[in-house]
């Protein structure tokens, strides 16, 4: 059976992109947002948008970065809509991170405390293994800015993790 073609692009090509990139994108978004279910929803939405725009996304220099950036932008859109909603008393605002998360909970906690741009740089540089140029392009910023945010983020993460280790050893 021949692969299905949509707008002249093979469905098999997108399926392979999805299979090879989904886990890395999910880890990256999870590191940025800190909530497993939210990260899964955002990544699913971003991949749906990637499929809808596959003819251009496939030519992007870093399609996984496109997915992560789209997921993070979607979160902002959802947040803007949500802040106008009325909460239901007794229902928790945020769910705890699931036990099967592949990230160290201590690391995830430290990443949540970083400023947004530093988290984004860590996600793209460390979790997606993009170089400085690709990270700068994905974030729409200068390469020097990426290096500065990465340096600050790594220093903060290192200090926080060492401080947490010292508290545990001293206890």
N, C-alpha and C. Protein backbone atom coordinates (compact mmCIF):
# COMPACT_ATOMS: atom_id res chain seq x y z
N UNK A 1 0.85 -1.18 0.00
CA UNK A 1 0.00 0.00 0.00
C UNK A 1 0.89 1.24 0.00
N UNK A 2 0.62 2.17 -0.87
CA UNK A 2 1.41 3.39 -0.99
C UNK A 2 1.12 4.31 0.19
N UNK A 3 2.14 5.04 0.67
CA UNK A 3 1.90 5.96 1.78
C UNK A 3 0.95 7.07 1.36
N UNK A 4 0.14 7.51 2.30
CA UNK A 4 -0.79 8.59 2.03
C UNK A 4 0.00 9.88 1.84
N UNK A 5 -0.44 10.70 0.89
CA UNK A 5 0.22 11.97 0.64
C UNK A 5 -0.77 13.09 0.92
N UNK A 6 -0.30 14.08 1.62
CA UNK A 6 -1.11 15.25 1.92
C UNK A 6 -0.35 16.46 1.40
N UNK A 7 -0.99 17.22 0.53
CA UNK A 7 -0.35 18.40 -0.07
C UNK A 7 1.03 18.04 -0.64
N UNK A 8 1.14 16.85 -1.23
CA UNK A 8 2.38 16.45 -1.87
C UNK A 8 3.46 15.98 -0.91
N UNK A 9 3.14 15.82 0.37
CA UNK A 9 4.13 15.42 1.35
C UNK A 9 3.71 14.07 1.94
N UNK A 10 4.64 13.20 2.08
CA UNK A 10 4.38 11.87 2.58
C UNK A 10 4.00 11.88 4.06
N UNK A 11 2.94 11.15 4.37
CA UNK A 11 2.54 11.01 5.76
C UNK A 11 3.60 10.22 6.53
N UNK A 12 4.26 9.32 5.84
CA UNK A 12 5.32 8.52 6.47
C UNK A 12 6.46 9.41 6.97
N UNK A 13 6.79 10.45 6.20
CA UNK A 13 7.85 11.37 6.60
C UNK A 13 7.49 12.08 7.91
N UNK A 14 6.25 12.56 8.00
CA UNK A 14 5.83 13.22 9.23
C UNK A 14 5.78 12.23 10.38
N UNK A 15 5.27 11.04 10.12
CA UNK A 15 5.19 10.02 11.16
C UNK A 15 6.56 9.71 11.73
N UNK A 16 7.56 9.60 10.88
CA UNK A 16 8.93 9.35 11.33
C UNK A 16 9.45 10.53 12.16
N UNK A 17 9.16 11.75 11.70
CA UNK A 17 9.55 12.94 12.45
C UNK A 17 8.91 12.91 13.84
N UNK A 18 7.63 12.58 13.90
CA UNK A 18 6.91 12.53 15.17
C UNK A 18 7.52 11.48 16.10
N UNK A 19 7.71 10.29 15.57
CA UNK A 19 8.25 9.19 16.40
C UNK A 19 9.65 9.50 16.91
N UNK A 20 10.48 10.08 16.07
CA UNK A 20 11.86 10.34 16.48
C UNK A 20 11.99 11.57 17.38
N UNK A 21 11.06 12.51 17.31
CA UNK A 21 11.20 13.75 18.06
C UNK A 21 10.27 13.94 19.24
N UNK A 22 9.22 13.13 19.35
CA UNK A 22 8.21 13.35 20.38
C UNK A 22 8.79 13.33 21.78
N UNK A 23 9.58 12.34 22.12
CA UNK A 23 10.09 12.23 23.49
C UNK A 23 11.00 13.39 23.85
N UNK A 24 11.88 13.76 22.93
CA UNK A 24 12.79 14.89 23.20
C UNK A 24 11.99 16.18 23.38
N UNK A 25 11.00 16.38 22.53
CA UNK A 25 10.17 17.59 22.64
C UNK A 25 9.39 17.59 23.95
N UNK A 26 8.86 16.42 24.32
CA UNK A 26 8.10 16.33 25.57
C UNK A 26 9.00 16.63 26.77
N UNK A 27 10.21 16.07 26.79
CA UNK A 27 11.12 16.36 27.90
C UNK A 27 11.45 17.85 27.96
N UNK A 28 11.66 18.45 26.80
CA UNK A 28 12.01 19.87 26.75
C UNK A 28 10.86 20.73 27.27
N UNK A 29 9.65 20.45 26.81
CA UNK A 29 8.50 21.24 27.24
C UNK A 29 8.22 20.98 28.72
N UNK A 30 8.37 19.73 29.16
CA UNK A 30 8.17 19.42 30.57
C UNK A 30 9.16 20.19 31.44
N UNK A 31 10.39 20.28 31.00
CA UNK A 31 11.38 21.05 31.76
C UNK A 31 11.00 22.52 31.82
N UNK A 32 10.37 23.01 30.77
CA UNK A 32 10.00 24.43 30.74
C UNK A 32 8.74 24.73 31.55
N UNK A 33 7.75 23.81 31.52
CA UNK A 33 6.48 24.11 32.19
C UNK A 33 6.31 23.42 33.53
N UNK A 34 7.01 22.29 33.75
CA UNK A 34 6.99 21.63 35.05
C UNK A 34 5.79 20.77 35.36
N UNK A 35 4.85 20.63 34.45
CA UNK A 35 3.67 19.80 34.68
C UNK A 35 3.54 18.79 33.56
N UNK A 36 3.51 17.51 33.90
CA UNK A 36 3.50 16.44 32.90
C UNK A 36 2.28 16.55 31.98
N UNK A 37 1.09 16.64 32.53
CA UNK A 37 -0.12 16.65 31.71
C UNK A 37 -0.16 17.88 30.79
N UNK A 38 0.19 19.02 31.32
CA UNK A 38 0.23 20.23 30.51
C UNK A 38 1.24 20.09 29.38
N UNK A 39 2.41 19.55 29.70
CA UNK A 39 3.45 19.36 28.69
C UNK A 39 2.95 18.43 27.59
N UNK A 40 2.29 17.35 27.96
CA UNK A 40 1.76 16.41 26.96
C UNK A 40 0.73 17.09 26.07
N UNK A 41 -0.16 17.86 26.67
CA UNK A 41 -1.17 18.58 25.89
C UNK A 41 -0.53 19.58 24.93
N UNK A 42 0.44 20.32 25.42
CA UNK A 42 1.11 21.33 24.59
C UNK A 42 1.87 20.68 23.43
N UNK A 43 2.56 19.59 23.71
CA UNK A 43 3.31 18.90 22.65
C UNK A 43 2.35 18.31 21.62
N UNK A 44 1.25 17.76 22.07
CA UNK A 44 0.25 17.22 21.13
C UNK A 44 -0.29 18.33 20.22
N UNK A 45 -0.61 19.45 20.82
CA UNK A 45 -1.11 20.59 20.03
C UNK A 45 -0.05 21.08 19.05
N UNK A 46 1.20 21.16 19.50
CA UNK A 46 2.29 21.64 18.64
C UNK A 46 2.52 20.68 17.47
N UNK A 47 2.47 19.38 17.73
CA UNK A 47 2.64 18.42 16.63
C UNK A 47 1.46 18.47 15.67
N UNK A 48 0.27 18.72 16.18
CA UNK A 48 -0.88 18.89 15.28
C UNK A 48 -0.68 20.10 14.38
N UNK A 49 -0.17 21.17 14.94
CA UNK A 49 0.11 22.36 14.13
C UNK A 49 1.25 22.11 13.15
N UNK A 50 2.24 21.31 13.58
CA UNK A 50 3.34 20.96 12.68
C UNK A 50 2.81 20.17 11.49
N UNK A 51 1.88 19.25 11.73
CA UNK A 51 1.30 18.47 10.64
C UNK A 51 0.54 19.38 9.68
N UNK A 52 -0.19 20.31 10.24
CA UNK A 52 -0.97 21.24 9.41
C UNK A 52 -0.06 22.12 8.55
N UNK A 53 1.14 22.39 9.03
CA UNK A 53 2.09 23.24 8.29
C UNK A 53 3.34 22.46 7.89
N UNK A 54 3.21 21.16 7.71
CA UNK A 54 4.36 20.30 7.51
C UNK A 54 5.22 20.71 6.31
N UNK A 55 4.61 21.20 5.26
CA UNK A 55 5.40 21.58 4.09
C UNK A 55 6.44 22.66 4.42
N UNK A 56 6.13 23.54 5.37
CA UNK A 56 7.12 24.55 5.75
C UNK A 56 7.94 24.11 6.97
N UNK A 57 7.33 23.39 7.90
CA UNK A 57 8.05 22.94 9.09
C UNK A 57 9.18 21.99 8.70
N UNK A 58 8.95 21.14 7.72
CA UNK A 58 9.97 20.16 7.33
C UNK A 58 11.22 20.84 6.79
N UNK A 59 11.11 22.08 6.31
CA UNK A 59 12.27 22.82 5.80
C UNK A 59 12.92 23.67 6.88
N UNK A 60 12.32 23.75 8.06
CA UNK A 60 12.88 24.53 9.17
C UNK A 60 14.23 23.93 9.55
N UNK A 61 15.23 24.76 9.89
CA UNK A 61 16.55 24.21 10.24
C UNK A 61 16.52 23.30 11.47
N UNK A 62 15.56 23.48 12.35
CA UNK A 62 15.45 22.64 13.56
C UNK A 62 13.96 22.40 13.83
N UNK A 63 13.35 21.43 13.14
CA UNK A 63 11.91 21.20 13.31
C UNK A 63 11.50 20.88 14.75
N UNK A 64 12.35 20.18 15.50
CA UNK A 64 11.99 19.91 16.91
C UNK A 64 11.92 21.21 17.71
N UNK A 65 12.82 22.13 17.42
CA UNK A 65 12.78 23.43 18.10
C UNK A 65 11.51 24.17 17.72
N UNK A 66 11.08 24.04 16.47
CA UNK A 66 9.83 24.66 16.03
C UNK A 66 8.68 24.11 16.86
N UNK A 67 8.66 22.81 17.09
CA UNK A 67 7.59 22.18 17.87
C UNK A 67 7.63 22.69 19.31
N UNK A 68 8.80 22.73 19.91
CA UNK A 68 8.91 23.19 21.30
C UNK A 68 8.51 24.66 21.41
N UNK A 69 8.98 25.49 20.51
CA UNK A 69 8.63 26.91 20.53
C UNK A 69 7.11 27.08 20.36
N UNK A 70 6.52 26.31 19.45
CA UNK A 70 5.07 26.36 19.24
C UNK A 70 4.33 25.92 20.50
N UNK A 71 4.83 24.88 21.16
CA UNK A 71 4.20 24.40 22.40
C UNK A 71 4.25 25.49 23.47
N UNK A 72 5.40 26.13 23.61
CA UNK A 72 5.53 27.18 24.63
C UNK A 72 4.69 28.41 24.29
N UNK A 73 4.60 28.74 23.01
CA UNK A 73 3.72 29.84 22.60
C UNK A 73 2.26 29.50 22.85
N UNK A 74 1.90 28.24 22.62
CA UNK A 74 0.53 27.79 22.87
C UNK A 74 0.20 27.93 24.35
N UNK A 75 1.16 27.63 25.20
CA UNK A 75 0.93 27.78 26.64
C UNK A 75 0.59 29.23 26.98
N UNK A 76 1.30 30.15 26.38
CA UNK A 76 1.03 31.56 26.63
C UNK A 76 -0.39 31.91 26.19
N UNK A 77 -0.78 31.43 25.02
CA UNK A 77 -2.14 31.69 24.53
C UNK A 77 -3.17 31.11 25.47
N UNK A 78 -2.95 29.88 25.92
CA UNK A 78 -3.88 29.24 26.85
C UNK A 78 -3.93 30.01 28.16
N UNK A 79 -2.77 30.48 28.63
CA UNK A 79 -2.72 31.22 29.87
C UNK A 79 -3.53 32.51 29.76
N UNK A 80 -3.39 33.19 28.63
CA UNK A 80 -4.13 34.45 28.44
C UNK A 80 -5.63 34.21 28.48
N UNK A 81 -6.06 33.12 27.84
CA UNK A 81 -7.48 32.79 27.87
C UNK A 81 -7.92 32.39 29.27
N UNK A 82 -7.08 31.62 29.94
CA UNK A 82 -7.43 31.07 31.25
C UNK A 82 -7.53 32.15 32.32
N UNK A 83 -6.72 33.18 32.24
CA UNK A 83 -6.73 34.19 33.30
C UNK A 83 -8.07 34.94 33.35
N UNK A 84 -8.85 34.81 32.29
CA UNK A 84 -10.18 35.42 32.28
C UNK A 84 -11.24 34.48 32.83
N UNK A 85 -10.87 33.20 33.06
CA UNK A 85 -11.82 32.22 33.57
C UNK A 85 -11.96 32.34 35.08
N UNK A 86 -13.06 31.83 35.60
CA UNK A 86 -13.32 31.83 37.02
C UNK A 86 -13.01 30.43 37.55
N UNK A 87 -12.22 30.35 38.62
CA UNK A 87 -11.86 29.06 39.20
C UNK A 87 -12.98 28.46 40.02
N UNK A 88 -12.92 27.14 40.16
CA UNK A 88 -13.89 26.42 40.97
C UNK A 88 -13.25 26.16 42.33
N UNK A 89 -13.89 26.59 43.42
CA UNK A 89 -13.31 26.38 44.75
C UNK A 89 -13.09 24.89 45.02
N UNK A 90 -11.96 24.58 45.66
CA UNK A 90 -11.68 23.19 46.03
C UNK A 90 -10.98 22.37 44.95
N UNK A 91 -10.85 22.92 43.75
CA UNK A 91 -10.17 22.21 42.68
C UNK A 91 -8.76 22.76 42.58
N UNK A 92 -7.73 21.90 42.70
CA UNK A 92 -6.36 22.40 42.65
C UNK A 92 -6.02 23.00 41.30
N UNK A 93 -5.26 24.09 41.32
CA UNK A 93 -4.87 24.77 40.10
C UNK A 93 -3.87 23.97 39.28
N UNK A 94 -2.92 23.34 39.98
CA UNK A 94 -1.88 22.61 39.28
C UNK A 94 -1.83 21.18 39.78
N UNK A 95 -1.60 20.27 38.87
CA UNK A 95 -1.44 18.87 39.23
C UNK A 95 0.02 18.60 39.54
N UNK A 96 0.26 17.62 40.37
CA UNK A 96 1.64 17.23 40.67
C UNK A 96 2.24 16.53 39.46
N UNK A 97 3.55 16.56 39.37
CA UNK A 97 4.25 15.87 38.29
C UNK A 97 4.09 14.37 38.51
N UNK A 98 3.80 13.64 37.45
CA UNK A 98 3.61 12.20 37.55
C UNK A 98 4.89 11.51 38.00
N UNK A 99 4.74 10.34 38.63
CA UNK A 99 5.88 9.60 39.14
C UNK A 99 6.79 9.06 38.04
N UNK A 100 6.24 8.85 36.84
CA UNK A 100 7.04 8.24 35.77
C UNK A 100 7.80 9.26 34.93
N UNK A 101 7.92 10.48 35.43
CA UNK A 101 8.66 11.51 34.72
C UNK A 101 10.13 11.10 34.65
N UNK A 102 10.72 11.30 33.49
CA UNK A 102 12.10 10.89 33.29
C UNK A 102 13.11 11.93 33.77
N UNK A 103 12.66 12.97 34.39
CA UNK A 103 13.55 14.02 34.88
C UNK A 103 13.66 13.92 36.40
N UNK A 104 14.83 14.22 36.90
CA UNK A 104 15.07 14.24 38.34
C UNK A 104 14.17 15.31 38.96
N UNK A 105 13.36 14.96 39.96
CA UNK A 105 12.46 15.95 40.57
C UNK A 105 13.19 17.17 41.12
N UNK A 106 14.38 16.98 41.66
CA UNK A 106 15.14 18.12 42.19
C UNK A 106 15.53 19.06 41.05
N UNK A 107 15.97 18.49 39.94
CA UNK A 107 16.32 19.30 38.77
C UNK A 107 15.09 20.03 38.24
N UNK A 108 13.98 19.33 38.16
CA UNK A 108 12.74 19.94 37.67
C UNK A 108 12.32 21.10 38.56
N UNK A 109 12.47 20.95 39.86
CA UNK A 109 12.11 22.02 40.79
C UNK A 109 13.00 23.24 40.58
N UNK A 110 14.29 23.01 40.37
CA UNK A 110 15.21 24.13 40.14
C UNK A 110 14.88 24.80 38.81
N UNK A 111 14.60 24.02 37.78
CA UNK A 111 14.27 24.60 36.48
C UNK A 111 13.02 25.46 36.55
N UNK A 112 12.04 25.05 37.34
CA UNK A 112 10.81 25.83 37.49
C UNK A 112 11.07 27.21 38.07
N UNK A 113 12.11 27.33 38.89
CA UNK A 113 12.41 28.62 39.53
C UNK A 113 13.21 29.57 38.64
N UNK A 114 13.73 29.07 37.53
CA UNK A 114 14.49 29.94 36.62
C UNK A 114 13.56 30.91 35.92
N UNK A 115 14.06 32.07 35.54
CA UNK A 115 13.26 32.97 34.70
C UNK A 115 12.90 32.29 33.38
N UNK A 116 11.81 32.70 32.81
CA UNK A 116 11.27 32.06 31.60
C UNK A 116 12.31 31.93 30.49
N UNK A 117 13.00 32.97 30.14
CA UNK A 117 13.94 32.92 29.02
C UNK A 117 15.09 31.97 29.31
N UNK A 118 15.55 31.92 30.55
CA UNK A 118 16.61 30.99 30.91
C UNK A 118 16.12 29.55 30.77
N UNK A 119 14.88 29.28 31.19
CA UNK A 119 14.30 27.94 31.02
C UNK A 119 14.25 27.57 29.55
N UNK A 120 13.81 28.51 28.72
CA UNK A 120 13.71 28.24 27.28
C UNK A 120 15.07 27.92 26.68
N UNK A 121 16.09 28.66 27.08
CA UNK A 121 17.44 28.41 26.57
C UNK A 121 17.92 27.04 27.01
N UNK A 122 17.71 26.70 28.27
CA UNK A 122 18.10 25.37 28.76
C UNK A 122 17.38 24.28 27.97
N UNK A 123 16.10 24.46 27.76
CA UNK A 123 15.30 23.48 27.03
C UNK A 123 15.87 23.26 25.63
N UNK A 124 16.14 24.33 24.92
CA UNK A 124 16.60 24.21 23.53
C UNK A 124 18.05 23.75 23.44
N UNK A 125 18.92 24.29 24.30
CA UNK A 125 20.35 23.95 24.23
C UNK A 125 20.64 22.57 24.81
N UNK A 126 20.04 22.26 25.97
CA UNK A 126 20.38 21.02 26.66
C UNK A 126 19.46 19.87 26.27
N UNK A 127 18.16 20.09 26.32
CA UNK A 127 17.23 18.99 26.07
C UNK A 127 17.10 18.66 24.59
N UNK A 128 17.18 19.67 23.73
CA UNK A 128 17.09 19.41 22.29
C UNK A 128 18.46 19.42 21.62
N UNK A 129 19.51 19.76 22.36
CA UNK A 129 20.88 19.75 21.86
C UNK A 129 21.08 20.64 20.64
N UNK A 130 20.42 21.80 20.64
CA UNK A 130 20.61 22.76 19.55
C UNK A 130 21.87 23.57 19.82
N UNK A 131 22.50 24.02 18.77
CA UNK A 131 23.65 24.90 18.95
C UNK A 131 23.15 26.31 19.25
N UNK A 132 24.09 27.20 19.54
CA UNK A 132 23.73 28.56 19.93
C UNK A 132 22.98 29.28 18.81
N UNK A 133 23.43 29.11 17.58
CA UNK A 133 22.79 29.79 16.45
C UNK A 133 21.34 29.34 16.28
N UNK A 134 21.10 28.03 16.33
CA UNK A 134 19.73 27.51 16.16
C UNK A 134 18.84 27.94 17.33
N UNK A 135 19.40 27.96 18.53
CA UNK A 135 18.64 28.40 19.69
C UNK A 135 18.25 29.87 19.55
N UNK A 136 19.21 30.69 19.13
CA UNK A 136 18.93 32.12 18.93
C UNK A 136 17.85 32.31 17.87
N UNK A 137 17.92 31.55 16.79
CA UNK A 137 16.91 31.66 15.73
C UNK A 137 15.55 31.23 16.24
N UNK A 138 15.50 30.15 17.01
CA UNK A 138 14.22 29.66 17.53
C UNK A 138 13.58 30.66 18.50
N UNK A 139 14.41 31.36 19.26
CA UNK A 139 13.89 32.32 20.24
C UNK A 139 13.78 33.74 19.70
N UNK A 140 14.33 33.96 18.50
CA UNK A 140 14.29 35.29 17.93
C UNK A 140 15.16 36.28 18.68
N UNK A 141 16.33 35.84 19.09
CA UNK A 141 17.23 36.68 19.87
C UNK A 141 18.66 36.53 19.35
N UNK A 142 19.57 37.30 19.89
CA UNK A 142 20.96 37.26 19.46
C UNK A 142 21.69 36.07 20.10
N UNK A 143 22.73 35.60 19.44
CA UNK A 143 23.52 34.48 19.96
C UNK A 143 24.16 34.83 21.30
N UNK A 144 24.63 36.05 21.45
CA UNK A 144 25.23 36.48 22.72
C UNK A 144 24.23 36.43 23.86
N UNK A 145 22.98 36.75 23.57
CA UNK A 145 21.93 36.69 24.58
C UNK A 145 21.69 35.25 25.01
N UNK A 146 21.72 34.34 24.04
CA UNK A 146 21.55 32.92 24.36
C UNK A 146 22.69 32.46 25.27
N UNK A 147 23.92 32.82 24.92
CA UNK A 147 25.07 32.43 25.74
C UNK A 147 24.96 33.00 27.16
N UNK A 148 24.54 34.24 27.27
CA UNK A 148 24.40 34.87 28.59
C UNK A 148 23.33 34.17 29.43
N UNK A 149 22.17 33.90 28.82
CA UNK A 149 21.09 33.21 29.55
C UNK A 149 21.52 31.81 29.95
N UNK A 150 22.21 31.11 29.05
CA UNK A 150 22.67 29.75 29.36
C UNK A 150 23.66 29.78 30.52
N UNK A 151 24.58 30.71 30.50
CA UNK A 151 25.58 30.81 31.57
C UNK A 151 24.90 31.08 32.91
N UNK A 152 23.98 32.03 32.94
CA UNK A 152 23.27 32.34 34.18
C UNK A 152 22.45 31.16 34.67
N UNK A 153 21.77 30.50 33.73
CA UNK A 153 20.92 29.37 34.11
C UNK A 153 21.75 28.22 34.67
N UNK A 154 22.84 27.89 34.00
CA UNK A 154 23.69 26.79 34.47
C UNK A 154 24.27 27.11 35.85
N UNK A 155 24.70 28.34 36.04
CA UNK A 155 25.24 28.74 37.35
C UNK A 155 24.17 28.60 38.43
N UNK A 156 22.97 29.06 38.16
CA UNK A 156 21.88 28.98 39.13
C UNK A 156 21.53 27.53 39.43
N UNK A 157 21.40 26.72 38.39
CA UNK A 157 21.04 25.31 38.58
C UNK A 157 22.12 24.62 39.42
N UNK A 158 23.37 24.85 39.07
CA UNK A 158 24.49 24.23 39.81
C UNK A 158 24.45 24.64 41.28
N UNK A 159 24.31 25.94 41.53
CA UNK A 159 24.28 26.43 42.92
C UNK A 159 23.11 25.85 43.70
N UNK A 160 21.94 25.81 43.08
CA UNK A 160 20.75 25.29 43.76
C UNK A 160 20.88 23.80 44.05
N UNK A 161 21.37 23.03 43.08
CA UNK A 161 21.50 21.59 43.30
C UNK A 161 22.56 21.29 44.36
N UNK A 162 23.66 22.04 44.34
CA UNK A 162 24.69 21.86 45.37
C UNK A 162 24.16 22.26 46.74
N UNK A 163 23.40 23.35 46.80
CA UNK A 163 22.82 23.79 48.07
C UNK A 163 21.84 22.73 48.60
N UNK A 164 21.03 22.15 47.70
CA UNK A 164 20.08 21.10 48.11
C UNK A 164 20.83 19.87 48.60
N UNK A 165 21.95 19.50 47.94
CA UNK A 165 22.75 18.37 48.37
C UNK A 165 23.35 18.61 49.74
N UNK A 166 23.82 19.83 49.97
CA UNK A 166 24.42 20.17 51.28
C UNK A 166 23.39 20.11 52.39
N UNK A 167 22.13 20.51 52.10
CA UNK A 167 21.07 20.43 53.09
C UNK A 167 20.79 18.99 53.45
N UNK A 168 20.77 18.10 52.45
CA UNK A 168 20.48 16.69 52.70
C UNK A 168 21.61 16.04 53.49
N UNK A 169 22.87 16.37 53.16
CA UNK A 169 24.02 15.79 53.84
C UNK A 169 24.05 16.28 55.29
N UNK A 170 23.74 17.54 55.51
CA UNK A 170 23.78 18.12 56.85
C UNK A 170 22.64 17.67 57.74
N UNK A 171 21.57 17.17 57.18
CA UNK A 171 20.40 16.77 57.96
C UNK A 171 20.62 15.50 58.72
